[in-house]
Protein backbone atom coordinates (compact mmCIF):
# COMPACT_ATOMS: atom_id res chain seq x y z
CA MET A 1 28.74 -2.36 -0.31
CA LYS A 2 30.35 -3.12 3.07
CA CYS A 3 29.64 -1.63 6.60
CA ARG A 4 32.17 -0.13 8.36
CA GLU A 5 31.37 -1.11 12.12
CA TYR A 6 29.26 2.72 12.87
CA GLU A 7 27.28 2.20 9.77
CA ASP A 8 26.16 -1.29 10.59
CA GLU A 9 25.58 0.08 14.54
CA TYR A 10 23.52 2.72 12.62
CA LEU A 11 21.41 0.37 10.56
CA GLU A 12 20.32 -1.30 13.79
CA PHE A 13 19.09 1.75 15.17
CA LEU A 14 17.22 2.95 12.10
CA GLU A 15 15.45 -0.68 12.15
CA LYS A 16 14.87 -0.54 15.79
CA LEU A 17 13.41 2.68 15.39
CA HIS A 18 10.88 2.19 12.28
CA GLN A 19 10.34 -1.30 11.72
CA PRO A 20 7.98 -2.32 15.00
CA ARG A 21 5.58 0.95 13.74
CA ARG A 22 5.79 0.07 10.02
CA HIS A 23 7.32 3.72 9.19
CA ASP A 24 8.85 3.70 5.76
CA TRP A 25 12.27 5.12 6.04
CA GLU A 26 15.97 5.40 4.11
CA TRP A 27 19.48 6.06 5.08
CA SER A 28 22.25 7.86 3.25
CA PHE A 29 26.09 7.28 3.63
CA THR A 30 28.94 8.12 1.54
CA ARG A 31 31.71 5.80 -0.90
CA GLN A 32 34.48 6.68 -3.26
CA ARG A 33 32.94 8.48 -6.23
CA ASP A 34 34.30 6.14 -8.91
CA LEU A 35 32.98 2.89 -7.55
CA TRP A 36 29.16 4.06 -8.02
CA SER A 37 27.55 5.52 -11.36
CA LYS A 38 24.26 6.98 -11.55
CA GLY A 39 20.93 5.15 -11.31
CA ARG A 40 18.90 2.71 -9.12
CA HIS A 41 20.28 -0.23 -7.95
CA LEU A 42 19.68 -3.22 -5.96
CA LEU A 43 21.83 -3.36 -3.25
CA LEU A 44 23.43 -5.69 -0.68
CA ILE A 45 24.56 -4.63 2.25
CA ALA A 46 27.52 -6.62 3.94
CA SER A 47 28.27 -6.33 8.07
CA THR A 48 30.68 -8.40 9.36
CA ASP A 49 30.35 -11.62 11.88
CA THR A 50 32.37 -12.19 15.38
CA TYR A 51 34.95 -13.61 13.68
CA GLY A 52 35.47 -10.23 11.38
CA ARG A 53 34.40 -11.73 7.81
CA TYR A 54 31.53 -10.30 5.99
CA GLU A 55 28.33 -12.16 5.05
CA ILE A 56 25.71 -9.96 3.33
CA THR A 57 22.93 -9.26 6.02
CA ARG A 58 20.15 -6.92 4.26
CA VAL A 59 19.21 -5.64 0.76
CA GLY A 60 17.80 -2.56 -0.81
CA LYS A 61 17.65 0.11 -3.30
CA SER A 62 20.18 2.45 -3.47
CA VAL A 63 19.73 5.75 -5.20
CA ARG A 64 22.92 7.81 -6.21
CA ARG A 65 22.88 11.28 -4.98
CA ARG A 66 24.90 14.56 -5.40
CA GLY A 67 28.56 14.70 -4.41
CA ALA A 68 29.19 14.82 -0.36
CA ARG A 69 33.08 15.48 -0.88
CA ASP A 70 35.78 16.20 -3.99
CA GLN A 71 36.27 12.24 -4.28
CA GLU A 72 32.81 11.30 -2.66
CA GLN A 73 29.51 9.99 -3.52
CA GLN A 74 26.17 10.46 -1.52
CA LEU A 75 23.94 6.86 -1.87
CA ARG A 76 20.15 7.11 -0.51
CA VAL A 77 19.48 3.77 0.47
CA THR A 78 15.71 2.85 0.81
CA HIS A 79 13.33 -0.58 0.94
CA VAL A 80 15.94 -2.16 3.29
CA ARG A 81 15.29 -5.92 3.99
CA ARG A 82 16.97 -7.72 6.41
CA LEU A 83 18.08 -11.43 5.57
CA ARG A 84 16.46 -14.01 7.83
CA ARG A 85 19.75 -16.32 7.61
CA PRO A 86 23.06 -13.97 6.26
CA LEU A 87 24.65 -15.07 3.53
CA PRO A 88 28.61 -15.08 4.05
CA LEU A 89 30.50 -13.37 0.73
CA ASP A 90 33.14 -16.01 0.59
CA GLU A 91 30.25 -18.33 -0.44
CA LEU A 92 28.39 -16.28 -3.00
CA HIS A 93 31.65 -15.37 -4.29
CA ASP A 94 32.47 -19.19 -4.62
CA ARG A 95 29.90 -19.48 -6.96
CA LEU A 96 30.76 -17.08 -9.82
CA THR A 97 32.80 -18.79 -12.63
CA ALA A 98 36.29 -17.27 -13.16
CA ALA A 99 35.49 -14.85 -15.62
CA GLN A 100 32.74 -13.38 -13.46
CA ARG A 101 35.16 -13.14 -10.30
CA ARG A 102 37.80 -11.38 -13.03
CA HIS A 103 35.24 -8.49 -13.46
CA LEU A 104 33.91 -8.51 -9.37
CA VAL A 105 34.16 -5.17 -7.94
CA GLU A 106 34.92 -5.32 -3.62
CA GLU A 107 32.86 -2.40 -3.40
CA GLY A 108 30.55 -0.81 -5.40
CA GLN A 109 28.19 -1.44 -8.83
CA GLN A 110 28.90 -4.83 -10.70
CA SER A 111 28.80 -4.85 -14.44
CA LYS A 112 25.99 -6.29 -16.31
CA GLY A 113 26.77 -10.29 -16.37
CA THR A 114 28.68 -10.12 -12.77
CA GLY A 115 25.78 -8.40 -11.63
CA GLU A 116 22.96 -10.84 -12.77
CA ALA A 117 25.00 -14.18 -11.93
CA ILE A 118 25.25 -12.81 -8.09
CA ARG A 119 21.91 -11.76 -8.47
CA ALA A 120 20.82 -15.14 -9.53
CA TRP A 121 22.94 -16.92 -6.78
CA LEU A 122 21.36 -14.83 -4.19
CA LEU A 123 18.43 -16.36 -5.20
CA ARG A 124 19.45 -19.83 -5.37
CA LEU A 125 20.85 -19.86 -2.18
CA ARG A 126 18.51 -17.53 -0.05
CA PRO A 127 14.72 -18.02 -1.93
CA GLU A 128 13.07 -16.63 0.61
CA LEU A 129 14.35 -12.81 -0.53
CA THR A 130 12.84 -13.52 -3.83
CA GLU A 131 9.51 -11.43 -2.83
CA ALA A 132 11.75 -8.46 -1.03
CA VAL A 133 13.88 -8.33 -4.35
CA LYS A 134 10.97 -8.31 -6.72
CA LEU A 135 9.70 -5.33 -4.54
CA ILE A 136 13.12 -3.41 -4.52
CA GLU A 137 13.54 -4.10 -7.96
CA GLY A 138 9.98 -3.09 -8.97
CA ALA A 139 10.85 0.70 -7.04
CA ILE A 140 13.15 1.00 -9.06
CA GLU A 141 11.20 2.93 -12.00
CA SER A 142 8.12 5.24 -11.64
CA TRP A 143 5.60 6.27 -13.91
CA ASP A 144 5.11 10.22 -14.34
CA PHE A 145 1.88 11.07 -16.03
CA GLY A 146 1.75 14.74 -15.11
CA ASP A 147 -1.71 16.65 -14.36
CA LEU A 148 -4.15 13.98 -16.06
CA ARG A 149 -7.09 13.62 -13.82
CA ALA A 150 -7.68 9.81 -15.26
CA ALA A 151 -3.95 9.27 -14.23
CA GLN A 152 -4.85 11.29 -10.67
CA GLU A 153 -8.11 8.84 -10.37
CA VAL A 154 -5.50 5.84 -10.55
CA ALA A 155 -3.51 7.06 -8.04
CA LEU A 156 -6.21 7.17 -5.73
CA GLN A 157 -6.79 3.35 -6.60
CA ARG A 158 -3.39 3.04 -5.96
CA ASP A 159 -3.31 4.54 -2.16
CA ALA A 160 -6.90 3.39 -1.58
CA THR A 161 -5.56 -0.71 -2.67
CA LEU A 162 -2.53 -0.42 -0.51
CA ALA A 163 -4.11 1.20 1.95
CA VAL A 164 -6.67 -1.88 2.91
CA ALA A 165 -3.75 -4.03 2.95
CA ARG A 166 -2.28 -2.27 5.66
CA MET A 167 -5.60 -2.45 7.10
CA ALA A 168 -5.54 -5.97 6.79
CA GLY A 169 -2.20 -6.43 8.37
CA MET A 170 -0.72 -7.87 5.04
CA GLN A 171 2.51 -7.43 3.14
CA ALA A 172 0.44 -7.70 -0.26
CA SER A 173 3.92 -7.17 -2.06
CA ARG A 174 2.57 -8.24 -5.17
CA LEU A 175 0.93 -4.22 -5.20
CA ALA A 176 4.50 -3.33 -5.82
CA GLU A 177 4.60 -4.99 -8.75
CA TRP A 178 2.26 -3.18 -11.93
CA ASP A 179 2.26 -1.82 -15.22
CA PRO A 180 1.40 1.67 -16.02
CA PRO A 181 -1.33 1.62 -18.59
CA ALA A 182 0.44 1.22 -22.41
CA GLU A 183 -2.14 3.24 -24.36
CA GLU A 184 -2.79 7.12 -23.74
CA LEU A 185 -4.97 8.29 -21.02
CA TYR A 186 -7.49 10.80 -21.70
CA ASP A 187 -10.19 12.00 -19.33
CA ASP A 188 -13.03 11.87 -21.30
CA THR A 189 -13.40 7.79 -20.43
CA VAL A 190 -13.07 6.12 -17.68
CA PRO A 191 -9.40 6.04 -16.28
CA PRO A 192 -8.47 2.11 -15.86
CA LEU A 193 -8.11 0.54 -12.23
CA PHE A 194 -5.13 -0.12 -10.54
CA LEU A 195 -5.67 -4.11 -9.79
CA ASP A 196 -6.31 -4.24 -14.07
CA MET A 197 -2.36 -3.34 -13.82
CA ALA A 198 -1.44 -5.30 -10.38
CA GLY A 199 -0.59 -8.50 -9.05
CA GLY A 200 1.13 -10.05 -12.35
CA ALA A 201 0.41 -13.35 -13.38
CA ARG A 202 -3.12 -14.52 -12.13
CA HIS A 203 -2.49 -17.80 -9.88
CA PRO A 204 -4.99 -20.09 -11.07
CA ASP A 205 -7.04 -20.21 -7.58
CA GLU A 206 -7.76 -16.11 -8.34
CA LEU A 207 -11.65 -17.17 -8.87
CA LEU A 208 -12.06 -13.34 -8.43
CA ASP A 209 -10.54 -12.96 -12.12
CA LEU A 210 -12.83 -15.13 -13.90
CA PRO A 211 -14.98 -13.53 -15.95
CA GLU A 212 -18.81 -14.25 -15.01
CA PRO A 213 -19.17 -16.97 -17.39
CA LEU A 214 -16.91 -19.28 -15.95
CA LEU A 215 -17.78 -18.71 -12.32
CA GLN A 216 -20.90 -20.26 -12.96
CA ASP A 217 -19.60 -22.89 -14.51
CA ALA A 218 -19.88 -25.53 -11.99
CA SER A 219 -16.79 -28.41 -12.73
CA ALA A 220 -14.42 -24.96 -13.51
CA ARG A 221 -14.76 -24.38 -9.73
CA SER A 222 -14.87 -27.91 -9.15
CA ASP A 223 -11.03 -27.95 -10.54
CA MET A 224 -9.79 -25.07 -9.69
CA LEU A 225 -11.00 -25.55 -5.49
CA SER A 226 -9.43 -29.16 -5.33
CA ASP A 227 -6.48 -28.17 -3.89
CA GLN A 228 -7.83 -25.38 -1.87
CA PRO A 229 -8.92 -25.50 1.33
CA ALA A 230 -13.20 -26.58 0.96
CA LEU A 231 -14.15 -24.48 3.94
CA GLU A 232 -12.36 -21.18 3.11
CA ASP A 233 -13.15 -21.41 -0.10
CA HIS A 234 -16.79 -21.99 -0.04
CA LEU A 235 -16.91 -19.11 2.05
CA VAL A 236 -14.78 -17.03 -0.45
CA MET A 237 -17.01 -17.89 -3.60
CA HIS A 238 -20.20 -17.15 -1.29
CA ASP A 239 -18.46 -13.70 -0.13
CA THR A 240 -17.22 -12.91 -3.94
CA ARG A 241 -20.73 -13.51 -5.77
CA THR A 242 -22.87 -11.52 -3.26
CA MET A 243 -19.55 -8.69 -3.66
CA HIS A 244 -19.99 -9.33 -7.53
CA GLY A 245 -23.68 -8.73 -7.43
CA TRP A 246 -23.39 -5.45 -5.48
CA LEU A 247 -21.30 -3.84 -8.00
CA SER A 248 -22.99 -5.56 -11.24
CA ASP A 249 -25.91 -3.97 -10.47
CA GLU A 250 -24.34 -0.67 -11.05
CA THR A 251 -21.06 -0.85 -13.27
CA ASN A 252 -19.11 -3.84 -15.11
CA HIS A 253 -16.23 -1.92 -14.71
CA VAL A 254 -14.72 -3.49 -12.01
CA ALA A 255 -11.34 -5.55 -10.94
CA TRP A 256 -11.06 -8.34 -8.39
CA ARG A 257 -8.03 -9.61 -6.33
CA LYS A 258 -7.71 -11.80 -3.06
CA PHE A 259 -4.64 -11.92 -0.79
CA ARG A 260 -3.87 -14.42 1.22
CA GLU A 261 -1.78 -14.30 4.92
CA HIS A 262 -1.29 -16.25 8.13
CA GLY A 263 -5.29 -18.09 7.57
CA ARG A 264 -7.23 -14.62 6.79
CA THR A 265 -8.44 -14.16 3.13
CA LEU A 266 -8.07 -10.21 1.82
CA LEU A 267 -10.82 -9.74 -1.08
CA VAL A 268 -10.34 -6.15 -3.30
CA ALA A 269 -12.40 -4.92 -5.69
CA ASN A 270 -11.56 -1.50 -7.67
CA ALA A 271 -14.22 0.06 -9.38
CA ASN A 272 -15.29 2.73 -11.27
CA ARG A 273 -18.13 4.00 -13.95
CA THR A 274 -17.38 7.55 -14.53
CA PRO A 275 -15.42 9.35 -16.78
CA ALA A 276 -12.04 11.40 -15.52
CA GLU A 277 -13.82 14.61 -15.66
CA GLN A 278 -16.71 13.54 -13.64
CA ALA A 279 -15.40 11.85 -11.12
CA LEU A 280 -15.25 13.62 -7.60
CA GLY A 281 -12.56 11.15 -6.27
CA CYS A 282 -12.22 8.06 -4.19
CA ASP A 283 -14.10 5.86 -1.54
CA ILE A 284 -12.71 3.31 0.97
CA ILE A 285 -14.99 0.56 1.86
CA PHE A 286 -12.91 -1.97 4.63
CA TYR A 287 -15.30 -4.60 6.55
CA ASN A 288 -13.78 -6.81 8.58
CA VAL A 289 -16.30 -9.60 8.31
CA THR A 290 -14.53 -11.15 11.40
CA ARG A 291 -15.00 -8.13 13.71
CA HIS A 292 -18.38 -6.89 11.93
CA SER A 293 -16.53 -3.50 11.77
CA LEU A 294 -16.73 -0.63 8.52
CA VAL A 295 -13.82 1.60 8.47
CA LEU A 296 -15.54 4.24 5.00
CA VAL A 297 -12.93 6.61 4.28
CA GLN A 298 -13.76 9.36 1.85
CA TYR A 299 -10.48 11.21 -0.38
CA LYS A 300 -10.37 15.00 -0.79
CA LYS A 301 -7.06 16.91 -2.54
CA LEU A 302 -4.72 19.45 -1.06
CA ASP A 303 -4.69 21.88 -4.16
CA ALA A 304 -0.75 21.40 -4.63
CA GLU A 305 1.79 18.70 -4.53
CA ARG A 306 3.79 21.40 -2.30
CA GLY A 307 2.38 23.13 0.90
CA GLY A 308 -1.29 22.55 -0.70
CA PHE A 309 -4.58 23.23 0.91
CA TYR A 310 -8.25 21.94 0.59
CA TYR A 311 -10.81 24.93 1.01
CA PRO A 312 -14.09 23.51 2.10
CA ASN A 313 -15.76 26.16 0.95
CA SER A 314 -14.86 26.06 -2.52
CA ASP A 315 -16.06 22.21 -3.04
CA ARG A 316 -19.56 22.10 -3.92
CA ASN A 317 -19.90 18.40 -3.12
CA LEU A 318 -18.69 18.59 0.18
CA ALA A 319 -22.10 19.15 2.00
CA LYS A 320 -24.15 16.49 0.51
CA GLU A 321 -20.60 14.03 1.32
CA LEU A 322 -20.81 15.17 5.27
CA VAL A 323 -25.10 14.42 4.95
CA ARG A 324 -24.29 11.13 3.96
CA MET A 325 -21.64 10.23 6.36
CA ARG A 326 -23.17 12.03 9.27
CA SER A 327 -26.22 9.80 8.33
CA LEU A 328 -23.86 6.18 8.64
CA ASP A 329 -21.95 7.47 11.60
CA ARG A 330 -25.57 7.95 13.53
CA TYR A 331 -27.05 4.29 11.87
CA ALA A 332 -23.55 2.85 13.21
CA GLU A 333 -23.84 4.53 16.57
CA MET A 334 -28.20 2.77 16.79
CA GLN A 335 -26.70 -0.62 16.02
CA ALA A 336 -23.93 -0.81 18.66
CA GLY A 337 -25.16 -3.01 21.60
CA LEU A 338 -23.54 -2.83 25.21
CA VAL A 339 -21.47 -6.54 24.54
CA ASP A 340 -19.99 -4.94 21.05
CA GLU A 341 -15.98 -4.83 21.47
CA GLN A 342 -14.83 -1.25 22.34
CA ARG A 343 -13.15 1.26 20.51
CA LEU A 344 -11.79 4.53 20.75
CA ASP A 345 -13.70 5.83 17.94
CA PRO A 346 -16.54 3.66 16.67
CA SER A 347 -17.60 6.37 14.15
CA PRO A 348 -17.49 4.59 10.58
CA SER A 349 -16.90 8.09 8.61
CA TRP A 350 -13.34 9.12 7.46
CA ILE A 351 -11.60 11.77 5.30
CA LYS A 352 -8.43 12.09 4.19
CA LEU A 353 -6.83 15.09 2.63
CA CYS A 354 -3.77 13.98 0.29
CA HIS A 355 -0.87 15.49 -2.13
CA PRO A 356 -2.06 15.17 -5.89
CA ARG A 357 0.37 13.35 -7.68
CA SER A 358 2.30 13.51 -11.16
CA VAL A 359 4.56 10.86 -10.09
CA LEU A 360 3.37 7.20 -9.10
CA PRO A 361 5.94 5.30 -7.62
CA HIS A 362 6.42 1.14 -8.57
CA THR A 363 6.52 0.63 -4.50
CA THR A 364 4.69 -0.25 -1.68
CA GLU A 365 5.05 3.93 -0.55
CA MET A 366 1.34 5.47 0.23
CA ILE A 367 0.84 9.26 -0.74
CA HIS A 368 0.97 11.61 2.04
CA GLY A 369 -2.09 12.59 3.54
CA MET A 370 -3.91 13.73 6.16
CA TYR A 371 -6.51 11.37 8.09
CA PHE A 372 -9.71 13.00 10.27
CA SER A 373 -12.55 11.56 11.47
CA ARG A 374 -15.67 13.25 10.27
CA ARG A 375 -16.95 14.85 13.71
CA GLN A 376 -13.02 16.23 13.97
CA PHE A 377 -13.00 17.44 9.98
CA GLU A 378 -16.53 19.15 11.28
CA SER A 379 -15.26 20.90 14.21
CA LEU A 380 -11.81 21.81 12.52
CA CYS A 381 -13.85 23.88 9.86
CA ASP A 382 -15.14 26.13 13.07
CA ASP A 383 -11.42 26.54 14.34
CA GLY A 384 -10.19 29.90 14.41
CA ARG A 385 -6.49 28.73 13.49
CA LEU A 386 -7.61 27.35 10.34
CA LYS A 387 -9.49 30.07 8.95
CA ASP A 388 -6.39 32.41 7.75
CA GLY A 389 -6.90 32.04 3.88
CA ARG A 390 -8.28 34.50 1.52
CA GLY A 391 -10.28 36.85 3.58
CA GLY A 392 -10.36 34.74 6.39
CA ALA A 393 -11.30 31.36 5.05
CA VAL A 394 -11.23 28.35 6.30
CA ARG A 395 -8.43 25.83 4.80
CA PHE A 396 -6.79 22.52 5.59
CA GLY A 397 -2.70 22.07 5.38
CA TYR A 398 -0.06 20.69 6.95
CA LYS A 399 0.87 24.35 7.57
CA ASN A 400 -2.35 25.12 9.93
CA VAL A 401 -3.74 21.99 11.25
CA PRO A 402 -2.95 21.24 14.74
CA ALA A 403 -3.27 17.24 14.71
CA TYR A 404 -4.32 14.80 12.52
CA LEU A 405 -3.74 10.91 11.86
CA ASP A 406 -0.90 9.84 9.12
CA ASN A 407 -1.12 6.69 6.98
CA THR A 408 0.84 4.57 9.56
CA LEU A 409 -1.22 5.22 12.33
CA PHE A 410 -4.64 4.93 10.59
CA THR A 411 -3.97 1.87 9.34
CA ARG A 412 -2.25 -0.01 12.09
CA LEU A 413 -5.61 1.10 14.46
CA VAL A 414 -8.09 -0.15 11.99
CA GLU A 415 -5.62 -3.02 11.83
CA THR A 416 -6.40 -3.78 15.55
CA GLY A 417 -9.59 -2.95 15.86
CA GLN A 418 -9.10 0.22 17.52
CA ILE A 419 -11.71 2.51 15.14
CA GLY A 420 -14.77 1.36 12.62
CA THR A 421 -18.24 0.24 13.61
CA THR A 422 -19.06 -2.76 15.74
CA GLY A 423 -21.81 -5.13 14.84
CA THR A 424 -22.06 -3.78 11.24
CA SER A 425 -24.30 -6.13 9.16
CA THR A 426 -23.24 -6.74 5.50
CA ASP A 427 -26.85 -4.67 4.00
CA LEU A 428 -25.10 -1.57 5.19
CA VAL A 429 -21.67 -2.59 3.53
CA ARG A 430 -23.88 -3.24 0.41
CA GLN A 431 -25.74 0.67 1.02
CA GLN A 432 -22.43 2.28 1.09
CA VAL A 433 -21.42 0.94 -1.83
CA LEU A 434 -24.14 1.68 -3.83
CA ARG A 435 -23.54 5.46 -2.91
CA SER A 436 -20.23 5.63 -3.30
CA PHE A 437 -21.30 5.32 -7.32
CA ARG A 438 -24.58 7.10 -7.04
CA GLY A 439 -22.14 9.68 -5.57
CA GLN A 440 -19.97 9.62 -8.82
CA ARG A 441 -17.00 8.27 -6.99
CA SER A 442 -14.61 5.65 -7.93
CA LEU A 443 -14.46 2.72 -4.93
CA VAL A 444 -12.08 0.52 -3.34
CA LEU A 445 -13.99 -2.29 -1.50
CA ALA A 446 -12.16 -5.06 0.29
CA THR A 447 -13.16 -7.58 2.86
CA LEU A 448 -11.22 -9.17 5.21
CA THR A 449 -12.58 -12.95 6.21
CA GLY A 450 -10.54 -15.67 8.38
CA GLU A 451 -9.58 -16.15 12.20
CA GLU A 452 -7.83 -13.22 14.09
CA ALA A 453 -5.13 -13.97 15.73
CA PRO A 454 -4.64 -12.13 19.07
CA GLN A 455 -2.30 -8.77 18.23
CA ALA A 456 0.83 -10.06 19.77
CA ALA A 457 0.87 -12.92 17.19
CA ARG A 458 0.14 -11.07 14.67
CA ASN A 459 2.88 -8.39 15.34
CA ALA A 460 5.68 -11.81 16.23
CA GLN A 461 4.12 -12.78 12.20
CA ARG A 462 5.26 -9.47 11.08
CA ARG A 463 8.27 -9.55 12.35
CA GLN A 464 9.06 -12.85 11.02
CA ALA A 465 8.05 -11.62 7.87
CA ARG A 466 10.95 -9.17 7.30
């Protein structure tokens, strides 16, 4: 699509407003209806340069919506990514064959052959767009699973995995590339693990994906480490084997992935051993090794996808879970030292209340939800403003909760070290891993290692990545 001048200015405004805060955002525009058929598509967005010539400046995902006027069609655009090097439209058109140019539509949906050729030349001329295009195309279809509890567990694992990537300040675009289970899911069996379905082809240096016998084969390890920085890989290997030891005592149902960005390594594990009908939800345990910081998030679900509530008095497991969190918070407080890094909130325990899902999108979109520290949650349980359920029952919902943290703000606060413990030991992390399993909860465990640049440098890296 070719942007009109006011549309280009509005896009600039949206980017400046949302992207520094890492908010997901969308944009709508209208065009002549007969140029856009039904469906979702990779959209190339063109703007004029200083000489009035069109150049591709952005890519995104377009979805056709309802008609705007008699001959006009509204389209919604999401996942907009700006090109670091705009591509002149004429340069792209010149690469097409004569037959493809005959079928070329100046603006609107292209034919299958011409569209594939345009996409191929776009990525050949701007290879740095490959990851963005894969993410956009992966975001086109979604998995509709209804009310299956096993799929709900996968949805929570997925959300928690995305959350730890954001806490680490990483894009982890491979998490948008995943395949729904090929087999039928049953609630009386252990649900599949999201990381088993995510990430596409495995890179040979992903030691975490190897079975234990191969990990113990010294020659195999040596070959796979040969082209990697030795110090980092030995540390990663040590951490991996240590974490694997924690989990293997409790379950063999575990999937690992390793993500690297800006000199840091994020190890992520999804683990479970409980049939869906017995599962009590999901825990995130995020351990920043460099900062010795621990954050634990326990998931709870609202009772409806729209306008739902969470009733603490109806949750039979809440009391013992709060005991666990209080114990963890007290222990962390006792271990904190005067010279440790200061936090806005140094307590590790958090609760996320989120919508139940019936559709899992192929995107990096997280489940909408409300985050509360354990102290804030318990305070709100005694807040008269929340006693508006039947018979004055306490309930948590978007309609009555006075304040909470959303996905963007919470993960950003963790990433910048504004919340989480200080001086945490690996022994404490291990304790919490085991307590998650014994509480019949699925687990997303992540550790972040490597040197951490100052926040200003990380912000600059994030802007350049876009």
